[in-house]
Amino acid sequence: PMSGDCFCLFRWYESTKMQPYSLRLHLLEADRVRTPTADGGLSLM
C-alpha cells in the first residue's frame, strides 16, 4: 500500500540437512522494477 505495489521474487538455494527446502522469497520494492534506459537511470517524462 505504501508504494502502490511490491514484488516477490522466487529464488532457489542449495538444500542442506538443516534446511531441506530450497525455496527462498525475496521481496522487492516497487522502484526496482522499471523500464530499462540507455544509462540505467530513470526517465521521469
PDB file of all heavy atoms in Angstrom:
ATOM      1  N   PRO A   1       0.817  -1.231   0.000  1.00  0.00           N
ATOM      2  CA  PRO A   1       0.000   0.000   0.000  1.00  0.00           C
ATOM      3  C   PRO A   1       0.845   1.273   0.000  1.00  0.00           C
ATOM      4  O   PRO A   1       0.426   2.289  -0.555  1.00  0.00           O
ATOM      5  CB  PRO A   1      -0.821  -0.124   1.297  1.00  0.00           C
ATOM      6  CG  PRO A   1      -0.752  -1.569   1.671  1.00  0.00           C
ATOM      7  CD  PRO A   1       0.580  -2.026   1.219  1.00  0.00           C
ATOM      8  N   MET A   2       2.021   1.222   0.626  1.00  0.00           N
ATOM      9  CA  MET A   2       2.840   2.421   0.713  1.00  0.00           C
ATOM     10  C   MET A   2       3.365   2.845  -0.651  1.00  0.00           C
ATOM     11  O   MET A   2       3.370   4.033  -0.994  1.00  0.00           O
ATOM     12  CB  MET A   2       4.017   2.194   1.667  1.00  0.00           C
ATOM     13  CG  MET A   2       4.812   3.452   1.964  1.00  0.00           C
ATOM     14  SD  MET A   2       6.353   3.116   2.854  1.00  0.00           S
ATOM     15  CE  MET A   2       5.752   2.174   4.257  1.00  0.00           C
ATOM     16  N   SER A   3       3.802   1.882  -1.457  1.00  0.00           N
ATOM     17  CA  SER A   3       4.404   2.196  -2.754  1.00  0.00           C
ATOM     18  C   SER A   3       3.482   1.919  -3.933  1.00  0.00           C
ATOM     19  O   SER A   3       3.842   2.194  -5.067  1.00  0.00           O
ATOM     20  CB  SER A   3       5.704   1.397  -2.928  1.00  0.00           C
ATOM     21  OG  SER A   3       6.629   1.702  -1.913  1.00  0.00           O
ATOM     22  N   GLY A   4       2.334   1.330  -3.693  1.00  0.00           N
ATOM     23  CA  GLY A   4       1.428   1.001  -4.782  1.00  0.00           C
ATOM     24  C   GLY A   4       1.472  -0.457  -5.173  1.00  0.00           C
ATOM     25  O   GLY A   4       0.472  -1.037  -5.571  1.00  0.00           O
ATOM     26  N   ASP A   5       2.640  -1.058  -5.096  1.00  0.00           N
ATOM     27  CA  ASP A   5       2.800  -2.483  -5.348  1.00  0.00           C
ATOM     28  C   ASP A   5       4.165  -2.914  -4.844  1.00  0.00           C
ATOM     29  O   ASP A   5       5.014  -2.089  -4.492  1.00  0.00           O
ATOM     30  CB  ASP A   5       2.625  -2.834  -6.829  1.00  0.00           C
ATOM     31  CG  ASP A   5       3.493  -1.981  -7.758  1.00  0.00           C
ATOM     32  OD1 ASP A   5       4.433  -1.330  -7.258  1.00  0.00           O
ATOM     33  OD2 ASP A   5       3.245  -1.962  -8.967  1.00  0.00           O
ATOM     34  N   CYS A   6       4.373  -4.207  -4.775  1.00  0.00           N
ATOM     35  CA  CYS A   6       5.684  -4.765  -4.480  1.00  0.00           C
ATOM     36  C   CYS A   6       5.775  -6.116  -5.166  1.00  0.00           C
ATOM     37  O   CYS A   6       4.782  -6.637  -5.686  1.00  0.00           O
ATOM     38  CB  CYS A   6       5.950  -4.860  -2.973  1.00  0.00           C
ATOM     39  SG  CYS A   6       4.979  -6.106  -2.108  1.00  0.00           S
ATOM     40  N   PHE A   7       6.971  -6.691  -5.159  1.00  0.00           N
ATOM     41  CA  PHE A   7       7.223  -7.907  -5.916  1.00  0.00           C
ATOM     42  C   PHE A   7       7.894  -8.935  -5.024  1.00  0.00           C
ATOM     43  O   PHE A   7       8.685  -8.588  -4.144  1.00  0.00           O
ATOM     44  CB  PHE A   7       8.105  -7.608  -7.132  1.00  0.00           C
ATOM     45  CG  PHE A   7       7.490  -6.635  -8.091  1.00  0.00           C
ATOM     46  CD1 PHE A   7       7.585  -5.269  -7.872  1.00  0.00           C
ATOM     47  CD2 PHE A   7       6.797  -7.078  -9.212  1.00  0.00           C
ATOM     48  CE1 PHE A   7       7.003  -4.360  -8.749  1.00  0.00           C
ATOM     49  CE2 PHE A   7       6.223  -6.181 -10.094  1.00  0.00           C
ATOM     50  CZ  PHE A   7       6.326  -4.815  -9.864  1.00  0.00           C
ATOM     51  N   CYS A   8       7.558 -10.194  -5.266  1.00  0.00           N
ATOM     52  CA  CYS A   8       8.181 -11.295  -4.543  1.00  0.00           C
ATOM     53  C   CYS A   8       8.871 -12.194  -5.555  1.00  0.00           C
ATOM     54  O   CYS A   8       8.211 -12.854  -6.371  1.00  0.00           O
ATOM     55  CB  CYS A   8       7.139 -12.075  -3.746  1.00  0.00           C
ATOM     56  SG  CYS A   8       7.836 -13.459  -2.823  1.00  0.00           S
ATOM     57  N   LEU A   9      10.182 -12.213  -5.506  1.00  0.00           N
ATOM     58  CA  LEU A   9      10.986 -12.998  -6.435  1.00  0.00           C
ATOM     59  C   LEU A   9      11.302 -14.354  -5.820  1.00  0.00           C
ATOM     60  O   LEU A   9      11.703 -14.445  -4.663  1.00  0.00           O
ATOM     61  CB  LEU A   9      12.289 -12.258  -6.756  1.00  0.00           C
ATOM     62  CG  LEU A   9      13.207 -12.857  -7.811  1.00  0.00           C
ATOM     63  CD1 LEU A   9      12.536 -12.865  -9.178  1.00  0.00           C
ATOM     64  CD2 LEU A   9      14.518 -12.077  -7.873  1.00  0.00           C
ATOM     65  N   PHE A  10      11.093 -15.413  -6.580  1.00  0.00           N
ATOM     66  CA  PHE A  10      11.394 -16.761  -6.105  1.00  0.00           C
ATOM     67  C   PHE A  10      12.857 -17.081  -6.394  1.00  0.00           C
ATOM     68  O   PHE A  10      13.311 -16.983  -7.529  1.00  0.00           O
ATOM     69  CB  PHE A  10      10.502 -17.800  -6.793  1.00  0.00           C
ATOM     70  CG  PHE A  10       9.053 -17.689  -6.432  1.00  0.00           C
ATOM     71  CD1 PHE A  10       8.069 -18.194  -7.258  1.00  0.00           C
ATOM     72  CD2 PHE A  10       8.654 -17.065  -5.268  1.00  0.00           C
ATOM     73  CE1 PHE A  10       6.724 -18.097  -6.924  1.00  0.00           C
ATOM     74  CE2 PHE A  10       7.316 -16.960  -4.919  1.00  0.00           C
ATOM     75  CZ  PHE A  10       6.354 -17.480  -5.757  1.00  0.00           C
ATOM     76  N   ARG A  11      13.571 -17.466  -5.361  1.00  0.00           N
ATOM     77  CA  ARG A  11      14.963 -17.891  -5.509  1.00  0.00           C
ATOM     78  C   ARG A  11      15.109 -19.316  -4.997  1.00  0.00           C
ATOM     79  O   ARG A  11      14.307 -19.788  -4.193  1.00  0.00           O
ATOM     80  CB  ARG A  11      15.906 -16.951  -4.750  1.00  0.00           C
ATOM     81  CG  ARG A  11      15.933 -15.523  -5.282  1.00  0.00           C
ATOM     82  CD  ARG A  11      16.972 -14.689  -4.560  1.00  0.00           C
ATOM     83  NE  ARG A  11      17.039 -13.330  -5.035  1.00  0.00           N
ATOM     84  CZ  ARG A  11      17.744 -12.923  -6.089  1.00  0.00           C
ATOM     85  NH1 ARG A  11      18.464 -13.804  -6.772  1.00  0.00           N
ATOM     86  NH2 ARG A  11      17.752 -11.656  -6.450  1.00  0.00           N
ATOM     87  N   TRP A  12      16.152 -19.983  -5.461  1.00  0.00           N
ATOM     88  CA  TRP A  12      16.374 -21.377  -5.074  1.00  0.00           C
ATOM     89  C   TRP A  12      17.792 -21.539  -4.559  1.00  0.00           C
ATOM     90  O   TRP A  12      18.754 -21.254  -5.262  1.00  0.00           O
ATOM     91  CB  TRP A  12      16.116 -22.299  -6.268  1.00  0.00           C
ATOM     92  CG  TRP A  12      14.739 -22.124  -6.828  1.00  0.00           C
ATOM     93  CD1 TRP A  12      14.371 -21.320  -7.881  1.00  0.00           C
ATOM     94  CD2 TRP A  12      13.534 -22.708  -6.335  1.00  0.00           C
ATOM     95  NE1 TRP A  12      13.021 -21.384  -8.079  1.00  0.00           N
ATOM     96  CE2 TRP A  12      12.479 -22.230  -7.155  1.00  0.00           C
ATOM     97  CE3 TRP A  12      13.254 -23.597  -5.304  1.00  0.00           C
ATOM     98  CZ2 TRP A  12      11.163 -22.611  -6.955  1.00  0.00           C
ATOM     99  CZ3 TRP A  12      11.932 -23.973  -5.117  1.00  0.00           C
ATOM    100  CH2 TRP A  12      10.908 -23.483  -5.931  1.00  0.00           C
ATOM    101  N   TYR A  13      17.919 -21.944  -3.294  1.00  0.00           N
ATOM    102  CA  TYR A  13      19.205 -22.154  -2.665  1.00  0.00           C
ATOM    103  C   TYR A  13      19.479 -23.653  -2.554  1.00  0.00           C
ATOM    104  O   TYR A  13      18.586 -24.479  -2.742  1.00  0.00           O
ATOM    105  CB  TYR A  13      19.229 -21.524  -1.263  1.00  0.00           C
ATOM    106  CG  TYR A  13      19.304 -20.014  -1.249  1.00  0.00           C
ATOM    107  CD1 TYR A  13      18.944 -19.253  -2.360  1.00  0.00           C
ATOM    108  CD2 TYR A  13      19.717 -19.331  -0.116  1.00  0.00           C
ATOM    109  CE1 TYR A  13      18.999 -17.875  -2.345  1.00  0.00           C
ATOM    110  CE2 TYR A  13      19.776 -17.933  -0.090  1.00  0.00           C
ATOM    111  CZ  TYR A  13      19.416 -17.225  -1.205  1.00  0.00           C
ATOM    112  OH  TYR A  13      19.477 -15.860  -1.189  1.00  0.00           O
ATOM    113  N   GLU A  14      20.691 -23.988  -2.223  1.00  0.00           N
ATOM    114  CA  GLU A  14      21.059 -25.389  -2.076  1.00  0.00           C
ATOM    115  C   GLU A  14      20.447 -25.963  -0.796  1.00  0.00           C
ATOM    116  O   GLU A  14      20.493 -25.345   0.264  1.00  0.00           O
ATOM    117  CB  GLU A  14      22.583 -25.535  -2.035  1.00  0.00           C
ATOM    118  CG  GLU A  14      23.060 -26.976  -1.985  1.00  0.00           C
ATOM    119  CD  GLU A  14      24.574 -27.078  -1.985  1.00  0.00           C
ATOM    120  OE1 GLU A  14      25.231 -26.029  -2.121  1.00  0.00           O
ATOM    121  OE2 GLU A  14      25.087 -28.203  -1.854  1.00  0.00           O
ATOM    122  N   SER A  15      19.879 -27.155  -0.902  1.00  0.00           N
ATOM    123  CA  SER A  15      19.278 -27.808   0.261  1.00  0.00           C
ATOM    124  C   SER A  15      20.358 -28.414   1.149  1.00  0.00           C
ATOM    125  O   SER A  15      21.395 -28.881   0.665  1.00  0.00           O
ATOM    126  CB  SER A  15      18.319 -28.909  -0.195  1.00  0.00           C
ATOM    127  OG  SER A  15      17.277 -28.375  -0.985  1.00  0.00           O
ATOM    128  N   THR A  16      20.093 -28.380   2.461  1.00  0.00           N
ATOM    129  CA  THR A  16      21.001 -28.987   3.428  1.00  0.00           C
ATOM    130  C   THR A  16      20.174 -29.844   4.386  1.00  0.00           C
ATOM    131  O   THR A  16      18.940 -29.851   4.339  1.00  0.00           O
ATOM    132  CB  THR A  16      21.762 -27.907   4.224  1.00  0.00           C
ATOM    133  OG1 THR A  16      20.826 -27.141   5.006  1.00  0.00           O
ATOM    134  CG2 THR A  16      22.521 -26.982   3.286  1.00  0.00           C
ATOM    135  N   LYS A  17      20.850 -30.555   5.281  1.00  0.00           N
ATOM    136  CA  LYS A  17      20.131 -31.386   6.252  1.00  0.00           C
ATOM    137  C   LYS A  17      19.298 -30.526   7.207  1.00  0.00           C
ATOM    138  O   LYS A  17      18.218 -30.930   7.629  1.00  0.00           O
ATOM    139  CB  LYS A  17      21.128 -32.231   7.042  1.00  0.00           C
ATOM    140  CG  LYS A  17      21.815 -33.307   6.215  1.00  0.00           C
ATOM    141  CD  LYS A  17      22.736 -34.150   7.074  1.00  0.00           C
ATOM    142  CE  LYS A  17      23.383 -35.262   6.253  1.00  0.00           C
ATOM    143  NZ  LYS A  17      24.294 -36.096   7.070  1.00  0.00           N
ATOM    144  N   MET A  18      19.813 -29.346   7.540  1.00  0.00           N
ATOM    145  CA  MET A  18      19.081 -28.459   8.433  1.00  0.00           C
ATOM    146  C   MET A  18      18.031 -27.636   7.690  1.00  0.00           C
ATOM    147  O   MET A  18      17.079 -27.152   8.300  1.00  0.00           O
ATOM    148  CB  MET A  18      20.052 -27.524   9.159  1.00  0.00           C
ATOM    149  CG  MET A  18      21.028 -28.241  10.069  1.00  0.00           C
ATOM    150  SD  MET A  18      20.192 -29.112  11.412  1.00  0.00           S
ATOM    151  CE  MET A  18      19.497 -27.747  12.314  1.00  0.00           C
ATOM    152  N   GLN A  19      18.229 -27.450   6.382  1.00  0.00           N
ATOM    153  CA  GLN A  19      17.297 -26.686   5.564  1.00  0.00           C
ATOM    154  C   GLN A  19      16.923 -27.513   4.332  1.00  0.00           C
ATOM    155  O   GLN A  19      17.488 -27.337   3.251  1.00  0.00           O
ATOM    156  CB  GLN A  19      17.924 -25.354   5.147  1.00  0.00           C
ATOM    157  CG  GLN A  19      18.264 -24.455   6.332  1.00  0.00           C
ATOM    158  CD  GLN A  19      19.047 -23.234   5.917  1.00  0.00           C
ATOM    159  OE1 GLN A  19      19.781 -23.245   4.938  1.00  0.00           O
ATOM    160  NE2 GLN A  19      18.889 -22.155   6.674  1.00  0.00           N
ATOM    161  N   PRO A  20      15.976 -28.434   4.506  1.00  0.00           N
ATOM    162  CA  PRO A  20      15.657 -29.369   3.420  1.00  0.00           C
ATOM    163  C   PRO A  20      14.947 -28.741   2.231  1.00  0.00           C
ATOM    164  O   PRO A  20      14.907 -29.342   1.157  1.00  0.00           O
ATOM    165  CB  PRO A  20      14.756 -30.404   4.104  1.00  0.00           C
ATOM    166  CG  PRO A  20      14.138 -29.665   5.247  1.00  0.00           C
ATOM    167  CD  PRO A  20      15.169 -28.696   5.720  1.00  0.00           C
ATOM    168  N   TYR A  21      14.389 -27.549   2.411  1.00  0.00           N
ATOM    169  CA  TYR A  21      13.651 -26.920   1.314  1.00  0.00           C
ATOM    170  C   TYR A  21      14.452 -25.745   0.761  1.00  0.00           C
ATOM    171  O   TYR A  21      14.971 -24.906   1.502  1.00  0.00           O
ATOM    172  CB  TYR A  21      12.281 -26.463   1.800  1.00  0.00           C
ATOM    173  CG  TYR A  21      11.442 -27.607   2.311  1.00  0.00           C
ATOM    174  CD1 TYR A  21      11.239 -27.806   3.672  1.00  0.00           C
ATOM    175  CD2 TYR A  21      10.886 -28.524   1.423  1.00  0.00           C
ATOM    176  CE1 TYR A  21      10.494 -28.877   4.140  1.00  0.00           C
ATOM    177  CE2 TYR A  21      10.138 -29.595   1.878  1.00  0.00           C
ATOM    178  CZ  TYR A  21       9.942 -29.771   3.235  1.00  0.00           C
ATOM    179  OH  TYR A  21       9.218 -30.837   3.692  1.00  0.00           O
ATOM    180  N   SER A  22      14.547 -25.681  -0.556  1.00  0.00           N
ATOM    181  CA  SER A  22      15.447 -24.722  -1.202  1.00  0.00           C
ATOM    182  C   SER A  22      14.779 -23.397  -1.565  1.00  0.00           C
ATOM    183  O   SER A  22      15.463 -22.446  -1.930  1.00  0.00           O
ATOM    184  CB  SER A  22      16.034 -25.344  -2.481  1.00  0.00           C
ATOM    185  OG  SER A  22      15.001 -25.713  -3.378  1.00  0.00           O
ATOM    186  N   LEU A  23      13.454 -23.316  -1.476  1.00  0.00           N
ATOM    187  CA  LEU A  23      12.753 -22.103  -1.870  1.00  0.00           C
ATOM    188  C   LEU A  23      13.050 -20.949  -0.921  1.00  0.00           C
ATOM    189  O   LEU A  23      12.999 -21.102   0.298  1.00  0.00           O
ATOM    190  CB  LEU A  23      11.242 -22.353  -1.902  1.00  0.00           C
ATOM    191  CG  LEU A  23      10.357 -21.125  -2.142  1.00  0.00           C
ATOM    192  CD1 LEU A  23      10.607 -20.552  -3.532  1.00  0.00           C
ATOM    193  CD2 LEU A  23       8.893 -21.485  -1.967  1.00  0.00           C
ATOM    194  N   ARG A  24      13.381 -19.786  -1.504  1.00  0.00           N
ATOM    195  CA  ARG A  24      13.557 -18.555  -0.748  1.00  0.00           C
ATOM    196  C   ARG A  24      12.742 -17.453  -1.411  1.00  0.00           C
ATOM    197  O   ARG A  24      12.653 -17.377  -2.636  1.00  0.00           O
ATOM    198  CB  ARG A  24      15.034 -18.126  -0.683  1.00  0.00           C
ATOM    199  CG  ARG A  24      15.969 -19.155  -0.078  1.00  0.00           C
ATOM    200  CD  ARG A  24      15.753 -19.361   1.404  1.00  0.00           C
ATOM    201  NE  ARG A  24      16.745 -20.242   1.964  1.00  0.00           N
ATOM    202  CZ  ARG A  24      16.665 -21.567   1.974  1.00  0.00           C
ATOM    203  NH1 ARG A  24      15.600 -22.166   1.427  1.00  0.00           N
ATOM    204  NH2 ARG A  24      17.606 -22.312   2.508  1.00  0.00           N
ATOM    205  N   LEU A  25      12.161 -16.586  -0.592  1.00  0.00           N
ATOM    206  CA  LEU A  25      11.367 -15.471  -1.086  1.00  0.00           C
ATOM    207  C   LEU A  25      12.151 -14.171  -0.920  1.00  0.00           C
ATOM    208  O   LEU A  25      12.687 -13.900   0.148  1.00  0.00           O
ATOM    209  CB  LEU A  25      10.049 -15.372  -0.319  1.00  0.00           C
ATOM    210  CG  LEU A  25       9.189 -16.635  -0.301  1.00  0.00           C
ATOM    211  CD1 LEU A  25       7.923 -16.396   0.516  1.00  0.00           C
ATOM    212  CD2 LEU A  25       8.842 -17.095  -1.699  1.00  0.00           C
ATOM    213  N   HIS A  26      12.212 -13.396  -1.985  1.00  0.00           N
ATOM    214  CA  HIS A  26      12.943 -12.128  -1.963  1.00  0.00           C
ATOM    215  C   HIS A  26      11.971 -11.010  -2.326  1.00  0.00           C
ATOM    216  O   HIS A  26      11.548 -10.883  -3.479  1.00  0.00           O
ATOM    217  CB  HIS A  26      14.106 -12.157  -2.956  1.00  0.00           C
ATOM    218  CG  HIS A  26      15.046 -11.017  -2.805  1.00  0.00           C
ATOM    219  ND1 HIS A  26      16.261 -10.930  -3.458  1.00  0.00           N
ATOM    220  CD2 HIS A  26      14.976  -9.872  -2.054  1.00  0.00           C
ATOM    221  CE1 HIS A  26      16.877  -9.816  -3.130  1.00  0.00           C
ATOM    222  NE2 HIS A  26      16.103  -9.153  -2.285  1.00  0.00           N
ATOM    223  N   LEU A  27      11.588 -10.199  -1.329  1.00  0.00           N
ATOM    224  CA  LEU A  27      10.673  -9.085  -1.565  1.00  0.00           C
ATOM    225  C   LEU A  27      11.428  -7.888  -2.148  1.00  0.00           C
ATOM    226  O   LEU A  27      12.497  -7.519  -1.658  1.00  0.00           O
ATOM    227  CB  LEU A  27       9.982  -8.673  -0.266  1.00  0.00           C
ATOM    228  CG  LEU A  27       8.968  -9.667   0.312  1.00  0.00           C
ATOM    229  CD1 LEU A  27       8.338  -9.101   1.573  1.00  0.00           C
ATOM    230  CD2 LEU A  27       7.894 -10.005  -0.700  1.00  0.00           C
ATOM    231  N   LEU A  28      10.848  -7.300  -3.198  1.00  0.00           N
ATOM    232  CA  LEU A  28      11.454  -6.160  -3.873  1.00  0.00           C
ATOM    233  C   LEU A  28      10.504  -4.972  -3.821  1.00  0.00           C
ATOM    234  O   LEU A  28       9.288  -5.132  -4.028  1.00  0.00           O
ATOM    235  CB  LEU A  28      11.764  -6.492  -5.337  1.00  0.00           C
ATOM    236  CG  LEU A  28      12.655  -7.706  -5.602  1.00  0.00           C
ATOM    237  CD1 LEU A  28      12.723  -7.970  -7.098  1.00  0.00           C
ATOM    238  CD2 LEU A  28      14.049  -7.481  -5.039  1.00  0.00           C
ATOM    239  N   GLU A  29      11.041  -3.781  -3.562  1.00  0.00           N
ATOM    240  CA  GLU A  29      10.210  -2.581  -3.579  1.00  0.00           C
ATOM    241  C   GLU A  29       9.874  -2.194  -5.012  1.00  0.00           C
ATOM    242  O   GLU A  29      10.541  -2.595  -5.972  1.00  0.00           O
ATOM    243  CB  GLU A  29      10.911  -1.429  -2.872  1.00  0.00           C
ATOM    244  CG  GLU A  29      10.717  -1.454  -1.369  1.00  0.00           C
ATOM    245  CD  GLU A  29      10.998  -0.113  -0.721  1.00  0.00           C
ATOM    246  OE1 GLU A  29      12.045   0.482  -0.995  1.00  0.00           O
ATOM    247  OE2 GLU A  29      10.161   0.324   0.076  1.00  0.00           O
ATOM    248  N   ALA A  30       8.841  -1.383  -5.143  1.00  0.00           N
ATOM    249  CA  ALA A  30       8.315  -1.036  -6.464  1.00  0.00           C
ATOM    250  C   ALA A  30       9.343  -0.351  -7.351  1.00  0.00           C
ATOM    251  O   ALA A  30       9.348  -0.538  -8.572  1.00  0.00           O
ATOM    252  CB  ALA A  30       7.087  -0.137  -6.301  1.00  0.00           C
ATOM    253  N   ASP A  31      10.244   0.432  -6.766  1.00  0.00           N
ATOM    254  CA  ASP A  31      11.186   1.239  -7.549  1.00  0.00           C
ATOM    255  C   ASP A  31      12.145   0.418  -8.383  1.00  0.00           C
ATOM    256  O   ASP A  31      12.641   0.886  -9.408  1.00  0.00           O
ATOM    257  CB  ASP A  31      12.003   2.147  -6.616  1.00  0.00           C
ATOM    258  CG  ASP A  31      11.141   2.903  -5.642  1.00  0.00           C
ATOM    259  OD1 ASP A  31      10.519   2.233  -4.801  1.00  0.00           O
ATOM    260  OD2 ASP A  31      11.115   4.138  -5.700  1.00  0.00           O
ATOM    261  N   ARG A  32      12.429  -0.801  -7.935  1.00  0.00           N
ATOM    262  CA  ARG A  32      13.432  -1.603  -8.636  1.00  0.00           C
ATOM    263  C   ARG A  32      12.891  -2.220  -9.923  1.00  0.00           C
ATOM    264  O   ARG A  32      13.669  -2.687 -10.752  1.00  0.00           O
ATOM    265  CB  ARG A  32      13.981  -2.689  -7.710  1.00  0.00           C
ATOM    266  CG  ARG A  32      14.880  -2.141  -6.611  1.00  0.00           C
ATOM    267  CD  ARG A  32      15.561  -3.245  -5.851  1.00  0.00           C
ATOM    268  NE  ARG A  32      16.311  -4.137  -6.730  1.00  0.00           N
ATOM    269  CZ  ARG A  32      16.880  -5.280  -6.329  1.00  0.00           C
ATOM    270  NH1 ARG A  32      16.746  -5.651  -5.069  1.00  0.00           N
ATOM    271  NH2 ARG A  32      17.542  -6.034  -7.156  1.00  0.00           N
ATOM    272  N   VAL A  33      11.602  -2.231 -10.079  1.00  0.00           N
ATOM    273  CA  VAL A  33      11.012  -2.698 -11.334  1.00  0.00           C
ATOM    274  C   VAL A  33      10.659  -1.464 -12.158  1.00  0.00           C
ATOM    275  O   VAL A  33       9.750  -0.705 -11.804  1.00  0.00           O
ATOM    276  CB  VAL A  33       9.762  -3.570 -11.077  1.00  0.00           C
ATOM    277  CG1 VAL A  33       9.115  -3.972 -12.393  1.00  0.00           C
ATOM    278  CG2 VAL A  33      10.142  -4.809 -10.284  1.00  0.00           C
ATOM    279  N   ARG A  34      11.393  -1.233 -13.219  1.00  0.00           N
ATOM    280  CA  ARG A  34      11.172  -0.069 -14.056  1.00  0.00           C
ATOM    281  C   ARG A  34      11.690  -0.341 -15.467  1.00  0.00           C
ATOM    282  O   ARG A  34      12.399  -1.317 -15.702  1.00  0.00           O
ATOM    283  CB  ARG A  34      11.850   1.172 -13.463  1.00  0.00           C
ATOM    284  CG  ARG A  34      13.352   1.075 -13.269  1.00  0.00           C
ATOM    285  CD  ARG A  34      13.867   2.341 -12.585  1.00  0.00           C
ATOM    286  NE  ARG A  34      15.320   2.415 -12.528  1.00  0.00           N
ATOM    287  CZ  ARG A  34      16.056   1.949 -11.516  1.00  0.00           C
ATOM    288  NH1 ARG A  34      15.449   1.359 -10.479  1.00  0.00           N
ATOM    289  NH2 ARG A  34      17.369   2.070 -11.523  1.00  0.00           N
ATOM    290  N   THR A  35      11.325   0.530 -16.371  1.00  0.00           N
ATOM    291  CA  THR A  35      11.692   0.360 -17.771  1.00  0.00           C
ATOM    292  C   THR A  35      13.171   0.667 -17.969  1.00  0.00           C
ATOM    293  O   THR A  35      13.644   1.737 -17.554  1.00  0.00           O
ATOM    294  CB  THR A  35      10.841   1.290 -18.655  1.00  0.00           C
ATOM    295  OG1 THR A  35       9.457   0.975 -18.450  1.00  0.00           O
ATOM    296  CG2 THR A  35      11.189   1.097 -20.119  1.00  0.00           C
ATOM    297  N   PRO A  36      13.932  -0.250 -18.576  1.00  0.00           N
ATOM    298  CA  PRO A  36      15.367  -0.001 -18.785  1.00  0.00           C
ATOM    299  C   PRO A  36      15.601   1.209 -19.679  1.00  0.00           C
ATOM    300  O   PRO A  36      14.863   1.460 -20.627  1.00  0.00           O
ATOM    301  CB  PRO A  36      15.859  -1.286 -19.464  1.00  0.00           C
ATOM    302  CG  PRO A  36      14.833  -2.318 -19.137  1.00  0.00           C
ATOM    303  CD  PRO A  36      13.529  -1.584 -19.035  1.00  0.00           C
ATOM    304  N   THR A  37      16.649   1.959 -19.342  1.00  0.00           N
ATOM    305  CA  THR A  37      17.082   3.094 -20.154  1.00  0.00           C
ATOM    306  C   THR A  37      18.524   2.893 -20.550  1.00  0.00           C
ATOM    307  O   THR A  37      19.232   2.034 -20.021  1.00  0.00           O
ATOM    308  CB  THR A  37      16.933   4.408 -19.369  1.00  0.00           C
ATOM    309  OG1 THR A  37      17.684   4.306 -18.141  1.00  0.00           O
ATOM    310  CG2 THR A  37      15.475   4.685 -19.032  1.00  0.00           C
ATOM    311  N   ALA A  38      18.975   3.717 -21.482  1.00  0.00           N
ATOM    312  CA  ALA A  38      20.330   3.554 -22.004  1.00  0.00           C
ATOM    313  C   ALA A  38      21.390   3.752 -20.930  1.00  0.00           C
ATOM    314  O   ALA A  38      22.400   3.046 -20.884  1.00  0.00           O
ATOM    315  CB  ALA A  38      20.560   4.528 -23.158  1.00  0.00           C
ATOM    316  N   ASP A  39      21.150   4.704 -20.013  1.00  0.00           N
ATOM    317  CA  ASP A  39      22.133   4.985 -18.972  1.00  0.00           C
ATOM    318  C   ASP A  39      21.817   4.277 -17.663  1.00  0.00           C
ATOM    319  O   ASP A  39      22.505   4.453 -16.666  1.00  0.00           O
ATOM    320  CB  ASP A  39      22.235   6.490 -18.730  1.00  0.00           C
ATOM    321  CG  ASP A  39      20.911   7.113 -18.313  1.00  0.00           C
ATOM    322  OD1 ASP A  39      19.896   6.379 -18.295  1.00  0.00           O
ATOM    323  OD2 ASP A  39      20.883   8.317 -18.012  1.00  0.00           O
ATOM    324  N   GLY A  40      20.729   3.468 -17.642  1.00  0.00           N
ATOM    325  CA  GLY A  40      20.381   2.739 -16.434  1.00  0.00           C
ATOM    326  C   GLY A  40      19.649   3.570 -15.404  1.00  0.00           C
ATOM    327  O   GLY A  40      19.352   3.090 -14.320  1.00  0.00           O
ATOM    328  N   GLY A  41      19.348   4.821 -15.726  1.00  0.00           N
ATOM    329  CA  GLY A  41      18.693   5.691 -14.761  1.00  0.00           C
ATOM    330  C   GLY A  41      17.184   5.591 -14.836  1.00  0.00           C
ATOM    331  O   GLY A  41      16.613   4.555 -15.133  1.00  0.00           O
ATOM    332  N   LEU A  42      16.514   6.720 -14.603  1.00  0.00           N
ATOM    333  CA  LEU A  42      15.055   6.760 -14.611  1.00  0.00           C
ATOM    334  C   LEU A  42      14.606   7.974 -15.389  1.00  0.00           C
ATOM    335  O   LEU A  42      15.078   9.082 -15.159  1.00  0.00           O
ATOM    336  CB  LEU A  42      14.514   6.837 -13.181  1.00  0.00           C
ATOM    337  CG  LEU A  42      12.995   7.028 -13.053  1.00  0.00           C
ATOM    338  CD1 LEU A  42      12.282   5.757 -13.472  1.00  0.00           C
ATOM    339  CD2 LEU A  42      12.629   7.404 -11.632  1.00  0.00           C
ATOM    340  N   SER A  43      13.709   7.739 -16.332  1.00  0.00           N
ATOM    341  CA  SER A  43      13.127   8.844 -17.082  1.00  0.00           C
ATOM    342  C   SER A  43      11.820   9.236 -16.432  1.00  0.00           C
ATOM    343  O   SER A  43      10.879   8.438 -16.394  1.00  0.00           O
ATOM    344  CB  SER A  43      12.904   8.439 -18.550  1.00  0.00           C
ATOM    345  OG  SER A  43      12.238   9.473 -19.238  1.00  0.00           O
ATOM    346  N   LEU A  44      11.747  10.446 -15.914  1.00  0.00           N
ATOM    347  CA  LEU A  44      10.529  10.905 -15.263  1.00  0.00           C
ATOM    348  C   LEU A  44       9.490  11.375 -16.272  1.00  0.00           C
ATOM    349  O   LEU A  44       8.336  11.587 -15.922  1.00  0.00           O
ATOM    350  CB  LEU A  44      10.852  12.046 -14.291  1.00  0.00           C
ATOM    351  CG  LEU A  44      11.776  11.687 -13.130  1.00  0.00           C
ATOM    352  CD1 LEU A  44      11.999  12.894 -12.242  1.00  0.00           C
ATOM    353  CD2 LEU A  44      11.219  10.533 -12.317  1.00  0.00           C
ATOM    354  N   MET A  45       9.882  11.539 -17.530  1.00  0.00           N
ATOM    355  CA  MET A  45       8.963  12.007 -18.549  1.00  0.00           C
ATOM    356  C   MET A  45       8.168  10.865 -19.163  1.00  0.00           C
ATOM    357  O   MET A  45       7.001  11.007 -19.492  1.00  0.00           O
ATOM    358  CB  MET A  45       9.733  12.755 -19.645  1.00  0.00           C
ATOM    359  CG  MET A  45      10.503  13.969 -19.130  1.00  0.00           C
ATOM    360  SD  MET A  45       9.430  15.190 -18.339  1.00  0.00           S
ATOM    361  CE  MET A  45       8.421  15.669 -19.737  1.00  0.00           C
TER     362      MET A  45
END
